[in-house]
């Protein structure tokens, strides 16, 4: 029971740490950049003025999506790494993901 409580406490600490960490995603060689936190909440977006042309609207939309996915992948990878180190290598069963 103590081990389960300890694991729960570590998970809560990890969740708080991830929420406070910011991840940057970029696309188009940095023409579009965004920052999100470990809870996948978008904090900011930056778009280079050179791509703000009406005839390139679809390109801009694709770059925003790509930048978001880049940041999301960083969040997911870091959360898995943090979990592995936090739980002392106990890890999760295959296919199981963190609850946050």
Protein backbone atom coordinates (compact mmCIF):
# COMPACT_ATOMS: atom_id res chain seq x y z
CA UNK A 1 0.00 0.00 0.00
CA UNK A 2 2.86 2.35 0.82
CA UNK A 3 4.39 1.65 -2.58
CA UNK A 4 1.12 2.57 -4.31
CA UNK A 5 0.88 5.81 -2.30
CA UNK A 6 4.48 6.62 -3.12
CA UNK A 7 3.85 5.99 -6.81
CA UNK A 8 0.74 8.19 -6.72
CA UNK A 9 2.72 10.99 -5.07
CA UNK A 10 5.45 10.69 -7.71
CA UNK A 11 2.82 10.77 -10.47
CA UNK A 12 1.28 13.94 -9.00
CA UNK A 13 4.71 15.59 -8.74
CA UNK A 14 5.48 14.60 -12.32
CA UNK A 15 2.14 15.98 -13.52
CA UNK A 16 2.85 19.31 -11.82
CA UNK A 17 6.35 19.41 -13.30
CA UNK A 18 5.06 18.65 -16.79
CA UNK A 19 2.37 21.34 -16.49
CA UNK A 20 5.05 23.91 -15.68
CA UNK A 21 7.36 22.86 -18.53
CA UNK A 22 7.07 24.58 -21.91
CA UNK A 23 7.75 22.90 -25.25
CA UNK A 24 8.38 24.64 -28.55
CA UNK A 25 7.23 23.24 -31.85
CA UNK A 26 8.47 24.60 -35.16
CA UNK A 27 7.57 24.12 -38.81
CA UNK A 28 8.66 25.55 -42.12
CA UNK A 29 12.20 26.12 -40.93
CA UNK A 30 10.94 28.23 -38.04
CA UNK A 31 8.45 30.30 -40.02
CA UNK A 32 5.78 29.05 -37.63
CA UNK A 33 6.61 28.39 -33.99
CA UNK A 34 4.41 27.71 -31.00
CA UNK A 35 4.80 27.03 -27.32
CA UNK A 36 2.66 24.63 -25.34
CA UNK A 37 2.89 23.27 -21.82
CA UNK A 38 3.01 19.68 -20.65
CA UNK A 39 -0.78 19.63 -20.40
CA UNK A 40 -0.98 20.26 -24.17
CA UNK A 41 -2.31 23.77 -23.66
CA UNK A 42 -1.19 26.23 -26.32
CA UNK A 43 0.61 29.20 -24.76
CA UNK A 44 1.72 31.23 -27.77
CA UNK A 45 2.11 31.19 -31.53
CA UNK A 46 4.55 33.07 -33.75
CA UNK A 47 4.12 33.42 -37.51
CA UNK A 48 6.76 35.03 -39.71
CA UNK A 49 5.27 37.93 -41.69
CA UNK A 50 6.76 36.61 -44.93
CA UNK A 51 4.11 33.88 -45.11
CA UNK A 52 1.12 36.10 -44.44
CA UNK A 53 -0.11 36.15 -48.00
CA UNK A 54 -3.75 35.43 -48.91
CA UNK A 55 -2.76 32.99 -51.66
CA UNK A 56 -0.66 30.95 -49.19
CA UNK A 57 -3.40 30.45 -46.59
CA UNK A 58 -3.36 26.64 -46.88
CA UNK A 59 0.42 26.54 -46.46
CA UNK A 60 0.14 28.58 -43.27
CA UNK A 61 -2.60 26.32 -41.92
CA UNK A 62 -0.46 23.24 -42.63
CA UNK A 63 2.53 24.82 -40.90
CA UNK A 64 0.50 25.64 -37.78
CA UNK A 65 -0.68 22.04 -37.59
CA UNK A 66 2.86 20.74 -38.13
CA UNK A 67 4.27 23.01 -35.41
CA UNK A 68 1.56 21.90 -32.99
CA UNK A 69 2.28 18.24 -33.72
CA UNK A 70 6.01 18.84 -33.26
CA UNK A 71 5.43 20.34 -29.80
CA UNK A 72 2.92 17.61 -28.89
CA UNK A 73 5.43 14.91 -29.81
CA UNK A 74 7.99 16.59 -27.54
CA UNK A 75 5.50 16.66 -24.67
CA UNK A 76 4.63 12.98 -25.16
CA UNK A 77 8.26 11.90 -25.40
CA UNK A 78 9.29 13.90 -22.34
CA UNK A 79 6.38 12.60 -20.28
CA UNK A 80 7.34 9.01 -21.09
CA UNK A 81 10.99 9.72 -20.22
CA UNK A 82 10.01 11.45 -16.98
CA UNK A 83 7.74 8.57 -16.03
CA UNK A 84 10.42 5.97 -16.66
CA UNK A 85 12.98 7.79 -14.54
CA UNK A 86 10.48 8.77 -11.86
CA UNK A 87 9.25 5.26 -11.28
CA UNK A 88 12.74 3.85 -11.07
CA UNK A 89 12.54 1.81 -14.22
CA UNK A 90 9.31 0.04 -13.27
CA UNK A 91 7.76 1.41 -16.45
CA UNK A 92 4.27 0.79 -17.74
CA UNK A 93 2.87 -2.26 -19.43
CA UNK A 94 3.19 -2.11 -23.24
CA UNK A 95 0.58 0.16 -24.80
CA UNK A 96 -0.32 1.87 -21.55
CA UNK A 97 0.13 5.64 -21.44
CA UNK A 98 0.37 8.14 -18.67
CA UNK A 99 -2.93 9.52 -17.37
CA UNK A 100 -2.07 13.10 -18.36
